[in-house]
Amino acid sequence: MSDTSTSKVLLALIAGVGLGSIIGAGAALLLSPNDGETNRKILNEKIQDLAEDIHDKTDHLLDDIKDEIGKMGKIEKEIEKEIEKEIEKKA
């Protein structure tokens, strides 16, 4: 499977899960035995929890990306040194 088709499948899966979540949440609100004010409070709490979770995960992801970029910089320097050594050998 190519990277492009894998990306498309993953994107479709994420979109499907997201759409299913939205539909499920809507149905739960419509069929809930609670009154509107209680539902709004519950929904607000869930949204705040979700926002905090997303914030934490994106912070963690950014830290991981920064670490990987740092590693790539070190590898780049090592490759440069190896190329310089090879050039010196041939000179």
C-alpha atoms as a PDB file:
ATOM      1  CA  MET A   1       0.000   0.000   0.000  1.00  0.00           C
ATOM      2  CA  SER A   2       1.424   3.365  -0.923  1.00  0.00           C
ATOM      3  CA  ASP A   3       1.812   6.304   1.437  1.00  0.00           C
ATOM      4  CA  THR A   4      -0.895   8.224  -0.423  1.00  0.00           C
ATOM      5  CA  SER A   5      -3.516   5.493  -0.151  1.00  0.00           C
ATOM      6  CA  THR A   6      -2.583   4.878   3.497  1.00  0.00           C
ATOM      7  CA  SER A   7      -3.040   8.587   4.202  1.00  0.00           C
ATOM      8  CA  LYS A   8      -6.410   8.592   2.457  1.00  0.00           C
ATOM      9  CA  VAL A   9      -7.597   5.568   4.428  1.00  0.00           C
ATOM     10  CA  LEU A  10      -6.428   7.115   7.699  1.00  0.00           C
ATOM     11  CA  LEU A  11      -8.093  10.435   6.857  1.00  0.00           C
ATOM     12  CA  ALA A  12     -11.345   8.658   5.963  1.00  0.00           C
ATOM     13  CA  LEU A  13     -11.214   6.698   9.215  1.00  0.00           C
ATOM     14  CA  ILE A  14     -10.661   9.842  11.285  1.00  0.00           C
ATOM     15  CA  ALA A  15     -13.466  11.642   9.430  1.00  0.00           C
ATOM     16  CA  GLY A  16     -15.806   8.695  10.002  1.00  0.00           C
ATOM     17  CA  VAL A  17     -15.041   8.537  13.702  1.00  0.00           C
ATOM     18  CA  GLY A  18     -15.527  12.292  14.005  1.00  0.00           C
ATOM     19  CA  LEU A  19     -18.834  12.244  12.139  1.00  0.00           C
ATOM     20  CA  GLY A  20     -20.050   9.271  14.168  1.00  0.00           C
ATOM     21  CA  SER A  21     -19.141  11.068  17.382  1.00  0.00           C
ATOM     22  CA  ILE A  22     -21.078  14.156  16.347  1.00  0.00           C
ATOM     23  CA  ILE A  23     -24.137  12.129  15.367  1.00  0.00           C
ATOM     24  CA  GLY A  24     -23.947  10.110  18.580  1.00  0.00           C
ATOM     25  CA  ALA A  25     -23.632  13.230  20.729  1.00  0.00           C
ATOM     26  CA  GLY A  26     -26.599  14.829  18.991  1.00  0.00           C
ATOM     27  CA  ALA A  27     -28.733  11.752  19.495  1.00  0.00           C
ATOM     28  CA  ALA A  28     -27.700  11.529  23.153  1.00  0.00           C
ATOM     29  CA  LEU A  29     -28.718  15.147  23.737  1.00  0.00           C
ATOM     30  CA  LEU A  30     -32.064  14.696  22.021  1.00  0.00           C
ATOM     31  CA  LEU A  31     -32.886  11.483  23.892  1.00  0.00           C
ATOM     32  CA  SER A  32     -31.501  12.556  27.275  1.00  0.00           C
ATOM     33  CA  PRO A  33     -33.889  12.516  30.249  1.00  0.00           C
ATOM     34  CA  ASN A  34     -32.176  15.643  31.635  1.00  0.00           C
ATOM     35  CA  ASP A  35     -33.439  19.154  31.092  1.00  0.00           C
ATOM     36  CA  GLY A  36     -31.687  21.553  28.723  1.00  0.00           C
ATOM     37  CA  GLU A  37     -29.776  23.421  31.439  1.00  0.00           C
ATOM     38  CA  THR A  38     -28.337  20.202  32.869  1.00  0.00           C
ATOM     39  CA  ASN A  39     -27.398  19.005  29.383  1.00  0.00           C
ATOM     40  CA  ARG A  40     -25.652  22.307  28.658  1.00  0.00           C
ATOM     41  CA  LYS A  41     -23.659  22.055  31.897  1.00  0.00           C
ATOM     42  CA  ILE A  42     -22.653  18.467  31.151  1.00  0.00           C
ATOM     43  CA  LEU A  43     -21.782  19.359  27.564  1.00  0.00           C
ATOM     44  CA  ASN A  44     -19.757  22.383  28.687  1.00  0.00           C
ATOM     45  CA  GLU A  45     -17.782  20.232  31.162  1.00  0.00           C
ATOM     46  CA  LYS A  46     -17.110  17.599  28.484  1.00  0.00           C
ATOM     47  CA  ILE A  47     -15.976  20.259  26.003  1.00  0.00           C
ATOM     48  CA  GLN A  48     -13.632  21.803  28.590  1.00  0.00           C
ATOM     49  CA  ASP A  49     -12.188  18.376  29.413  1.00  0.00           C
ATOM     50  CA  LEU A  50     -11.742  17.648  25.715  1.00  0.00           C
ATOM     51  CA  ALA A  51     -10.080  21.030  25.119  1.00  0.00           C
ATOM     52  CA  GLU A  52      -7.639  20.404  27.981  1.00  0.00           C
ATOM     53  CA  ASP A  53      -6.900  16.921  26.671  1.00  0.00           C
ATOM     54  CA  ILE A  54      -6.264  18.247  23.157  1.00  0.00           C
ATOM     55  CA  HIS A  55      -4.040  20.999  24.565  1.00  0.00           C
ATOM     56  CA  ASP A  56      -1.999  18.485  26.579  1.00  0.00           C
ATOM     57  CA  LYS A  57      -1.645  16.128  23.629  1.00  0.00           C
ATOM     58  CA  THR A  58      -0.617  18.885  21.213  1.00  0.00           C
ATOM     59  CA  ASP A  59       1.969  20.127  23.733  1.00  0.00           C
ATOM     60  CA  HIS A  60       3.329  16.587  23.983  1.00  0.00           C
ATOM     61  CA  LEU A  61       3.307  16.233  20.199  1.00  0.00           C
ATOM     62  CA  LEU A  62       5.149  19.537  19.763  1.00  0.00           C
ATOM     63  CA  ASP A  63       7.772  18.410  22.281  1.00  0.00           C
ATOM     64  CA  ASP A  64       8.207  15.160  20.350  1.00  0.00           C
ATOM     65  CA  ILE A  65       8.541  17.065  17.066  1.00  0.00           C
ATOM     66  CA  LYS A  66      11.140  19.404  18.572  1.00  0.00           C
ATOM     67  CA  ASP A  67      13.089  16.394  19.842  1.00  0.00           C
ATOM     68  CA  GLU A  68      12.994  14.762  16.408  1.00  0.00           C
ATOM     69  CA  ILE A  69      14.104  17.994  14.721  1.00  0.00           C
ATOM     70  CA  GLY A  70      16.985  18.180  17.176  1.00  0.00           C
ATOM     71  CA  LYS A  71      17.962  14.608  16.329  1.00  0.00           C
ATOM     72  CA  MET A  72      17.787  15.398  12.618  1.00  0.00           C
ATOM     73  CA  GLY A  73      20.080  18.388  13.146  1.00  0.00           C
ATOM     74  CA  LYS A  74      22.634  16.154  14.885  1.00  0.00           C
ATOM     75  CA  ILE A  75      22.420  13.594  12.090  1.00  0.00           C
ATOM     76  CA  GLU A  76      22.861  16.358   9.510  1.00  0.00           C
ATOM     77  CA  LYS A  77      26.039  17.543  11.263  1.00  0.00           C
ATOM     78  CA  GLU A  78      27.375  13.981  11.393  1.00  0.00           C
ATOM     79  CA  ILE A  79      26.706  13.545   7.668  1.00  0.00           C
ATOM     80  CA  GLU A  80      28.423  16.853   6.923  1.00  0.00           C
ATOM     81  CA  LYS A  81      31.494  15.697   8.864  1.00  0.00           C
ATOM     82  CA  GLU A  82      31.532  12.392   6.979  1.00  0.00           C
ATOM     83  CA  ILE A  83      31.275  14.197   3.629  1.00  0.00           C
ATOM     84  CA  GLU A  84      34.081  16.578   4.607  1.00  0.00           C
ATOM     85  CA  LYS A  85      36.258  13.589   5.590  1.00  0.00           C
ATOM     86  CA  GLU A  86      35.561  11.918   2.250  1.00  0.00           C
ATOM     87  CA  ILE A  87      36.375  15.120   0.360  1.00  0.00           C
ATOM     88  CA  GLU A  88      39.641  15.501   2.301  1.00  0.00           C
ATOM     89  CA  LYS A  89      40.587  11.896   1.514  1.00  0.00           C
ATOM     90  CA  LYS A  90      40.045  12.475  -2.205  1.00  0.00           C
ATOM     91  CA  ALA A  91      41.868  15.806  -2.241  1.00  0.00           C
END
